[in-house]
Amino acid sequence: PSQLLLNQLDSPGLVLPDAVWPLLRMFCDCWSLSGKVQKIAAGGLGTVSLNDWTRLFYGHTLSAIMMGGGVFVADSGLLLFCYPGDATKVLDYHKKVKTPGVHAGQVLPVEKKQLLAMLRWPAGRDGVLQLITAVLMSSGEPKCFG
């Protein structure tokens, strides 16, 4: 049932099982979000309108590494991920190197009601918020881009 099947009835084509559509929809949403973040990075923060920020943060679902009632903050700042799988790479690395507090961490979608508090947290501390569009492993360590 999870295989991709070629439709040989009236015309050649690709038939996808119903179970594939939610995954494909999520991938397309993550791809769109990542593209918007890259566009902002290329143009600079001063070129982004209030509507662009609203669509970016509230039109998509970001993921974060959550630990109990809090969110994981790396040395480089608060990390919000376009792709949940990238957050998992970073979490797995920090579990492997035994970063304090991450043993019970998990990757979760950021709820809209949490998002504003997460955005305010680094701003109130002269901290950094990173929107991560890709994570590549290099020499066993995650390299974050975004």
N, C-alpha and C. Protein backbone atom coordinates (compact mmCIF):
# COMPACT_ATOMS: atom_id res chain seq x y z
N PRO A 1 0.81 -1.22 0.00
CA PRO A 1 0.00 0.00 0.00
C PRO A 1 0.84 1.27 0.00
N SER A 2 2.05 1.24 0.54
CA SER A 2 2.86 2.45 0.59
C SER A 2 3.74 2.61 -0.64
N GLN A 3 3.63 1.70 -1.58
CA GLN A 3 4.45 1.79 -2.78
C GLN A 3 3.85 2.79 -3.76
N LEU A 4 4.72 3.39 -4.57
CA LEU A 4 4.27 4.22 -5.67
C LEU A 4 3.93 3.28 -6.82
N LEU A 5 2.77 3.45 -7.38
CA LEU A 5 2.33 2.56 -8.44
C LEU A 5 2.15 3.33 -9.73
N LEU A 6 2.52 2.72 -10.83
CA LEU A 6 2.27 3.32 -12.13
C LEU A 6 0.86 2.97 -12.56
N ASN A 7 0.13 3.96 -12.98
CA ASN A 7 -1.24 3.77 -13.44
C ASN A 7 -1.20 3.43 -14.92
N GLN A 8 -1.58 2.24 -15.26
CA GLN A 8 -1.54 1.78 -16.64
C GLN A 8 -2.93 1.75 -17.27
N LEU A 9 -3.93 2.35 -16.66
CA LEU A 9 -5.29 2.26 -17.17
C LEU A 9 -5.45 3.07 -18.45
N ASP A 10 -5.85 4.31 -18.38
CA ASP A 10 -6.12 5.12 -19.56
C ASP A 10 -4.88 5.85 -20.06
N SER A 11 -4.08 6.35 -19.16
CA SER A 11 -2.87 7.07 -19.56
C SER A 11 -1.80 6.82 -18.52
N PRO A 12 -0.55 6.80 -18.96
CA PRO A 12 0.52 6.60 -17.97
C PRO A 12 0.56 7.75 -16.99
N GLY A 13 0.78 7.44 -15.77
CA GLY A 13 0.86 8.46 -14.74
C GLY A 13 1.29 7.82 -13.43
N LEU A 14 1.37 8.62 -12.43
CA LEU A 14 1.83 8.16 -11.13
C LEU A 14 0.66 8.25 -10.16
N VAL A 15 0.39 7.17 -9.47
CA VAL A 15 -0.68 7.14 -8.48
C VAL A 15 -0.02 7.04 -7.11
N LEU A 16 -0.37 7.98 -6.23
CA LEU A 16 0.20 7.99 -4.88
C LEU A 16 -0.87 7.55 -3.89
N PRO A 17 -0.53 6.68 -2.96
CA PRO A 17 -1.50 6.29 -1.93
C PRO A 17 -1.86 7.48 -1.05
N ASP A 18 -3.04 7.43 -0.46
CA ASP A 18 -3.52 8.53 0.38
C ASP A 18 -2.56 8.86 1.51
N ALA A 19 -1.86 7.87 2.04
CA ALA A 19 -0.96 8.10 3.17
C ALA A 19 0.22 9.01 2.81
N VAL A 20 0.54 9.13 1.53
CA VAL A 20 1.68 9.94 1.10
C VAL A 20 1.37 11.43 1.12
N TRP A 21 0.12 11.82 0.92
CA TRP A 21 -0.23 13.24 0.76
C TRP A 21 0.10 14.11 1.96
N PRO A 22 -0.20 13.69 3.18
CA PRO A 22 0.19 14.56 4.31
C PRO A 22 1.70 14.78 4.39
N LEU A 23 2.49 13.75 4.11
CA LEU A 23 3.94 13.89 4.13
C LEU A 23 4.41 14.82 3.02
N LEU A 24 3.85 14.66 1.84
CA LEU A 24 4.20 15.52 0.71
C LEU A 24 3.81 16.97 0.99
N ARG A 25 2.64 17.18 1.57
CA ARG A 25 2.16 18.52 1.92
C ARG A 25 3.10 19.16 2.94
N MET A 26 3.52 18.38 3.95
CA MET A 26 4.43 18.91 4.96
C MET A 26 5.77 19.27 4.34
N PHE A 27 6.29 18.42 3.45
CA PHE A 27 7.56 18.71 2.79
C PHE A 27 7.46 20.00 1.98
N CYS A 28 6.37 20.17 1.24
CA CYS A 28 6.20 21.38 0.43
C CYS A 28 6.11 22.62 1.31
N ASP A 29 5.44 22.51 2.44
CA ASP A 29 5.34 23.63 3.37
C ASP A 29 6.72 23.99 3.93
N CYS A 30 7.50 22.97 4.31
CA CYS A 30 8.85 23.21 4.82
C CYS A 30 9.73 23.84 3.74
N TRP A 31 9.59 23.37 2.51
CA TRP A 31 10.37 23.89 1.38
C TRP A 31 10.04 25.37 1.16
N SER A 32 8.75 25.71 1.21
CA SER A 32 8.30 27.09 1.04
C SER A 32 8.85 27.97 2.16
N LEU A 33 8.75 27.50 3.39
CA LEU A 33 9.26 28.25 4.53
C LEU A 33 10.76 28.49 4.40
N SER A 34 11.49 27.45 4.04
CA SER A 34 12.94 27.57 3.89
C SER A 34 13.28 28.60 2.81
N GLY A 35 12.55 28.60 1.72
CA GLY A 35 12.79 29.57 0.65
C GLY A 35 12.55 31.00 1.11
N LYS A 36 11.51 31.20 1.91
CA LYS A 36 11.22 32.54 2.41
C LYS A 36 12.32 33.02 3.35
N VAL A 37 12.82 32.13 4.18
CA VAL A 37 13.91 32.50 5.09
C VAL A 37 15.16 32.86 4.29
N GLN A 38 15.46 32.07 3.28
CA GLN A 38 16.64 32.36 2.44
C GLN A 38 16.49 33.70 1.73
N LYS A 39 15.29 34.03 1.28
CA LYS A 39 15.04 35.30 0.60
C LYS A 39 15.28 36.48 1.56
N ILE A 40 14.83 36.33 2.79
CA ILE A 40 15.05 37.36 3.80
C ILE A 40 16.55 37.52 4.07
N ALA A 41 17.24 36.39 4.21
CA ALA A 41 18.68 36.44 4.48
C ALA A 41 19.43 37.13 3.34
N ALA A 42 19.01 36.87 2.11
CA ALA A 42 19.69 37.47 0.95
C ALA A 42 19.42 38.96 0.85
N GLY A 43 18.19 39.39 1.17
CA GLY A 43 17.83 40.79 1.02
C GLY A 43 18.15 41.66 2.21
N GLY A 44 18.37 41.04 3.36
CA GLY A 44 18.63 41.80 4.57
C GLY A 44 17.35 42.08 5.34
N LEU A 45 17.47 42.17 6.64
CA LEU A 45 16.30 42.35 7.51
C LEU A 45 15.53 43.63 7.21
N GLY A 46 16.21 44.68 6.78
CA GLY A 46 15.56 45.95 6.51
C GLY A 46 14.59 45.91 5.34
N THR A 47 14.67 44.88 4.51
CA THR A 47 13.81 44.79 3.33
C THR A 47 12.52 44.01 3.61
N VAL A 48 12.35 43.52 4.83
CA VAL A 48 11.22 42.67 5.15
C VAL A 48 10.10 43.51 5.76
N SER A 49 8.90 43.39 5.18
CA SER A 49 7.76 44.15 5.69
C SER A 49 7.11 43.40 6.86
N LEU A 50 6.28 44.11 7.59
CA LEU A 50 5.54 43.49 8.70
C LEU A 50 4.68 42.33 8.20
N ASN A 51 4.08 42.50 7.04
CA ASN A 51 3.27 41.41 6.48
C ASN A 51 4.12 40.18 6.15
N ASP A 52 5.34 40.42 5.65
CA ASP A 52 6.25 39.30 5.36
C ASP A 52 6.57 38.53 6.63
N TRP A 53 6.86 39.26 7.74
CA TRP A 53 7.17 38.60 9.01
C TRP A 53 5.97 37.79 9.49
N THR A 54 4.79 38.39 9.38
CA THR A 54 3.57 37.70 9.84
C THR A 54 3.35 36.43 9.04
N ARG A 55 3.47 36.51 7.72
CA ARG A 55 3.29 35.32 6.88
C ARG A 55 4.37 34.27 7.18
N LEU A 56 5.58 34.73 7.43
CA LEU A 56 6.68 33.80 7.71
C LEU A 56 6.42 33.03 9.00
N PHE A 57 6.11 33.76 10.07
CA PHE A 57 5.99 33.11 11.37
C PHE A 57 4.64 32.46 11.62
N TYR A 58 3.58 33.01 11.06
CA TYR A 58 2.26 32.47 11.36
C TYR A 58 1.65 31.68 10.20
N GLY A 59 2.27 31.72 9.04
CA GLY A 59 1.77 30.97 7.90
C GLY A 59 2.38 29.59 7.78
N HIS A 60 3.34 29.27 8.60
CA HIS A 60 4.04 28.00 8.55
C HIS A 60 4.25 27.48 9.97
N THR A 61 4.64 26.23 10.06
CA THR A 61 4.93 25.64 11.36
C THR A 61 6.44 25.47 11.49
N LEU A 62 7.01 26.09 12.49
CA LEU A 62 8.42 25.92 12.81
C LEU A 62 8.56 24.82 13.85
N SER A 63 9.73 24.24 13.95
CA SER A 63 10.00 23.23 14.97
C SER A 63 11.10 23.73 15.90
N ALA A 64 11.08 23.24 17.13
CA ALA A 64 12.10 23.59 18.11
C ALA A 64 12.44 22.36 18.93
N ILE A 65 13.58 22.40 19.58
CA ILE A 65 13.97 21.35 20.51
C ILE A 65 13.43 21.77 21.87
N MET A 66 12.49 21.00 22.37
CA MET A 66 11.84 21.32 23.64
C MET A 66 12.36 20.39 24.73
N MET A 67 12.53 20.96 25.92
CA MET A 67 13.01 20.19 27.07
C MET A 67 12.12 20.53 28.25
N GLY A 68 11.23 19.62 28.59
CA GLY A 68 10.30 19.90 29.68
C GLY A 68 9.41 21.07 29.28
N GLY A 69 9.41 22.12 30.06
CA GLY A 69 8.60 23.29 29.77
C GLY A 69 9.36 24.37 29.02
N GLY A 70 10.60 24.11 28.65
CA GLY A 70 11.41 25.14 28.00
C GLY A 70 11.90 24.72 26.63
N VAL A 71 12.57 25.66 26.01
CA VAL A 71 13.12 25.42 24.68
C VAL A 71 14.64 25.42 24.77
N PHE A 72 15.28 24.57 23.99
CA PHE A 72 16.74 24.47 23.96
C PHE A 72 17.33 25.71 23.29
N VAL A 73 18.33 26.30 23.94
CA VAL A 73 19.05 27.44 23.38
C VAL A 73 20.51 27.04 23.29
N ALA A 74 21.05 27.08 22.08
CA ALA A 74 22.46 26.73 21.85
C ALA A 74 23.34 27.95 22.13
N ASP A 75 24.65 27.74 22.11
CA ASP A 75 25.59 28.85 22.28
C ASP A 75 25.36 29.91 21.21
N SER A 76 24.89 29.49 20.05
CA SER A 76 24.68 30.41 18.94
C SER A 76 23.32 31.10 19.00
N GLY A 77 22.46 30.74 19.95
CA GLY A 77 21.17 31.40 20.11
C GLY A 77 20.01 30.42 20.11
N LEU A 78 18.81 30.98 20.06
CA LEU A 78 17.59 30.21 20.02
C LEU A 78 17.41 29.70 18.59
N LEU A 79 17.23 28.40 18.45
CA LEU A 79 17.14 27.78 17.13
C LEU A 79 15.71 27.38 16.82
N LEU A 80 15.17 27.90 15.72
CA LEU A 80 13.89 27.46 15.19
C LEU A 80 14.15 26.86 13.82
N PHE A 81 13.56 25.71 13.56
CA PHE A 81 13.88 24.93 12.37
C PHE A 81 12.74 24.90 11.37
N CYS A 82 13.08 25.02 10.08
CA CYS A 82 12.09 24.86 9.02
C CYS A 82 11.71 23.40 8.86
N TYR A 83 12.67 22.49 8.99
CA TYR A 83 12.46 21.05 8.83
C TYR A 83 12.62 20.35 10.18
N PRO A 84 11.62 19.60 10.62
CA PRO A 84 11.75 18.87 11.89
C PRO A 84 12.94 17.91 11.89
N GLY A 85 13.26 17.33 10.75
CA GLY A 85 14.39 16.40 10.68
C GLY A 85 15.72 17.07 10.99
N ASP A 86 15.86 18.34 10.63
CA ASP A 86 17.08 19.06 10.97
C ASP A 86 17.19 19.29 12.47
N ALA A 87 16.06 19.58 13.10
CA ALA A 87 16.06 19.73 14.56
C ALA A 87 16.47 18.42 15.22
N THR A 88 16.01 17.31 14.66
CA THR A 88 16.37 15.99 15.20
C THR A 88 17.87 15.74 15.09
N LYS A 89 18.50 16.16 13.99
CA LYS A 89 19.95 16.01 13.84
C LYS A 89 20.68 16.75 14.96
N VAL A 90 20.26 17.98 15.22
CA VAL A 90 20.91 18.80 16.25
C VAL A 90 20.67 18.18 17.64
N LEU A 91 19.45 17.74 17.90
CA LEU A 91 19.15 17.11 19.19
C LEU A 91 19.96 15.84 19.38
N ASP A 92 20.02 15.00 18.36
CA ASP A 92 20.79 13.76 18.46
C ASP A 92 22.27 14.04 18.75
N TYR A 93 22.81 15.06 18.11
CA TYR A 93 24.21 15.42 18.36
C TYR A 93 24.40 15.83 19.82
N HIS A 94 23.52 16.68 20.33
CA HIS A 94 23.68 17.15 21.72
C HIS A 94 23.44 16.02 22.73
N LYS A 95 22.62 15.06 22.40
CA LYS A 95 22.47 13.89 23.27
C LYS A 95 23.75 13.06 23.25
N LYS A 96 24.34 12.93 22.06
CA LYS A 96 25.57 12.14 21.91
C LYS A 96 26.73 12.73 22.71
N VAL A 97 26.84 14.06 22.70
CA VAL A 97 27.94 14.70 23.43
C VAL A 97 27.55 15.04 24.87
N LYS A 98 26.36 14.59 25.27
CA LYS A 98 25.87 14.73 26.65
C LYS A 98 25.77 16.19 27.10
N THR A 99 25.20 17.03 26.23
CA THR A 99 24.92 18.42 26.61
C THR A 99 23.92 18.38 27.77
N PRO A 100 24.22 19.09 28.86
CA PRO A 100 23.32 19.04 30.02
C PRO A 100 21.88 19.43 29.68
N GLY A 101 20.94 18.64 30.18
CA GLY A 101 19.53 18.94 30.04
C GLY A 101 18.83 18.43 28.80
N VAL A 102 19.58 17.96 27.80
CA VAL A 102 18.91 17.55 26.56
C VAL A 102 18.52 16.07 26.52
N HIS A 103 18.86 15.30 27.55
CA HIS A 103 18.57 13.86 27.52
C HIS A 103 17.07 13.59 27.36
N ALA A 104 16.23 14.46 27.86
CA ALA A 104 14.78 14.29 27.73
C ALA A 104 14.19 15.19 26.65
N GLY A 105 15.04 15.83 25.87
CA GLY A 105 14.56 16.74 24.84
C GLY A 105 13.85 16.02 23.71
N GLN A 106 12.98 16.75 23.04
CA GLN A 106 12.29 16.20 21.88
C GLN A 106 11.99 17.34 20.91
N VAL A 107 11.87 16.97 19.65
CA VAL A 107 11.54 17.94 18.61
C VAL A 107 10.02 18.04 18.53
N LEU A 108 9.53 19.27 18.66
CA LEU A 108 8.09 19.51 18.61
C LEU A 108 7.79 20.72 17.73
N PRO A 109 6.60 20.73 17.14
CA PRO A 109 6.20 21.94 16.42
C PRO A 109 5.98 23.07 17.40
N VAL A 110 6.31 24.28 17.00
CA VAL A 110 6.10 25.45 17.84
C VAL A 110 4.65 25.88 17.67
N GLU A 111 3.91 25.88 18.75
CA GLU A 111 2.52 26.30 18.70
C GLU A 111 2.46 27.81 18.53
N LYS A 112 1.43 28.27 17.85
CA LYS A 112 1.30 29.71 17.58
C LYS A 112 1.28 30.52 18.87
N LYS A 113 0.67 29.98 19.93
CA LYS A 113 0.61 30.72 21.19
C LYS A 113 1.98 30.80 21.87
N GLN A 114 2.91 29.90 21.54
CA GLN A 114 4.27 29.93 22.09
C GLN A 114 5.19 30.84 21.30
N LEU A 115 4.86 31.04 20.04
CA LEU A 115 5.79 31.69 19.12
C LEU A 115 6.17 33.10 19.54
N LEU A 116 5.22 33.91 19.93
CA LEU A 116 5.53 35.30 20.29
C LEU A 116 6.49 35.35 21.48
N ALA A 117 6.26 34.51 22.48
CA ALA A 117 7.17 34.47 23.64
C ALA A 117 8.56 34.03 23.21
N MET A 118 8.64 33.08 22.29
CA MET A 118 9.95 32.61 21.81
C MET A 118 10.67 33.72 21.05
N LEU A 119 9.93 34.51 20.30
CA LEU A 119 10.55 35.60 19.54
C LEU A 119 11.01 36.73 20.47
N ARG A 120 10.28 36.96 21.54
CA ARG A 120 10.64 38.03 22.48
C ARG A 120 11.83 37.66 23.36
N TRP A 121 11.98 36.38 23.67
CA TRP A 121 13.00 35.94 24.61
C TRP A 121 14.40 36.41 24.20
N PRO A 122 14.88 36.10 22.99
CA PRO A 122 16.24 36.56 22.66
C PRO A 122 16.32 38.08 22.50
N ALA A 123 15.23 38.70 22.04
CA ALA A 123 15.24 40.15 21.85
C ALA A 123 15.43 40.87 23.18
N GLY A 124 14.85 40.34 24.25
CA GLY A 124 14.97 40.96 25.56
C GLY A 124 16.30 40.73 26.22
N ARG A 125 17.14 39.91 25.64
CA ARG A 125 18.44 39.57 26.24
C ARG A 125 19.61 39.88 25.31
N ASP A 126 19.37 40.69 24.31
CA ASP A 126 20.39 40.94 23.28
C ASP A 126 20.90 39.62 22.72
N GLY A 127 20.00 38.66 22.59
CA GLY A 127 20.37 37.34 22.10
C GLY A 127 20.12 37.22 20.60
N VAL A 128 20.28 36.02 20.13
CA VAL A 128 20.16 35.73 18.70
C VAL A 128 19.08 34.69 18.49
N LEU A 129 18.27 34.91 17.47
CA LEU A 129 17.30 33.94 17.01
C LEU A 129 17.75 33.47 15.64
N GLN A 130 17.87 32.17 15.45
CA GLN A 130 18.27 31.64 14.16
C GLN A 130 17.13 30.83 13.57
N LEU A 131 16.75 31.15 12.34
CA LEU A 131 15.81 30.33 11.59
C LEU A 131 16.65 29.41 10.72
N ILE A 132 16.67 28.14 11.08
CA ILE A 132 17.55 27.17 10.43
C ILE A 132 16.84 26.56 9.22
N THR A 133 17.46 26.71 8.04
CA THR A 133 16.88 26.16 6.82
C THR A 133 17.51 24.83 6.43
N ALA A 134 18.69 24.55 6.93
CA ALA A 134 19.36 23.28 6.62
C ALA A 134 20.40 22.97 7.69
N VAL A 135 20.57 21.69 7.96
CA VAL A 135 21.62 21.22 8.86
C VAL A 135 22.39 20.12 8.14
N LEU A 136 23.68 20.32 8.01
CA LEU A 136 24.55 19.32 7.40
C LEU A 136 25.54 18.86 8.44
N MET A 137 25.81 17.58 8.46
CA MET A 137 26.79 17.04 9.39
C MET A 137 28.16 17.14 8.77
N SER A 138 29.11 17.67 9.52
CA SER A 138 30.48 17.83 9.05
C SER A 138 31.41 17.41 10.19
N SER A 139 32.22 16.40 9.94
CA SER A 139 33.14 15.86 10.95
C SER A 139 32.39 15.50 12.23
N GLY A 140 31.18 14.97 12.08
CA GLY A 140 30.39 14.52 13.22
C GLY A 140 29.65 15.61 13.96
N GLU A 141 29.75 16.86 13.51
CA GLU A 141 29.06 17.98 14.16
C GLU A 141 28.06 18.62 13.20
N PRO A 142 26.94 19.09 13.75
CA PRO A 142 25.97 19.74 12.87
C PRO A 142 26.39 21.16 12.50
N LYS A 143 26.27 21.49 11.23
CA LYS A 143 26.50 22.85 10.74
C LYS A 143 25.14 23.38 10.31
N CYS A 144 24.71 24.46 10.98
CA CYS A 144 23.39 25.02 10.72
C CYS A 144 23.46 26.18 9.74
N PHE A 145 22.51 26.22 8.82
CA PHE A 145 22.44 27.28 7.83
C PHE A 145 21.07 27.92 7.88
N GLY A 146 21.04 29.23 7.67
CA GLY A 146 19.75 29.92 7.65
C GLY A 146 19.92 31.38 7.97
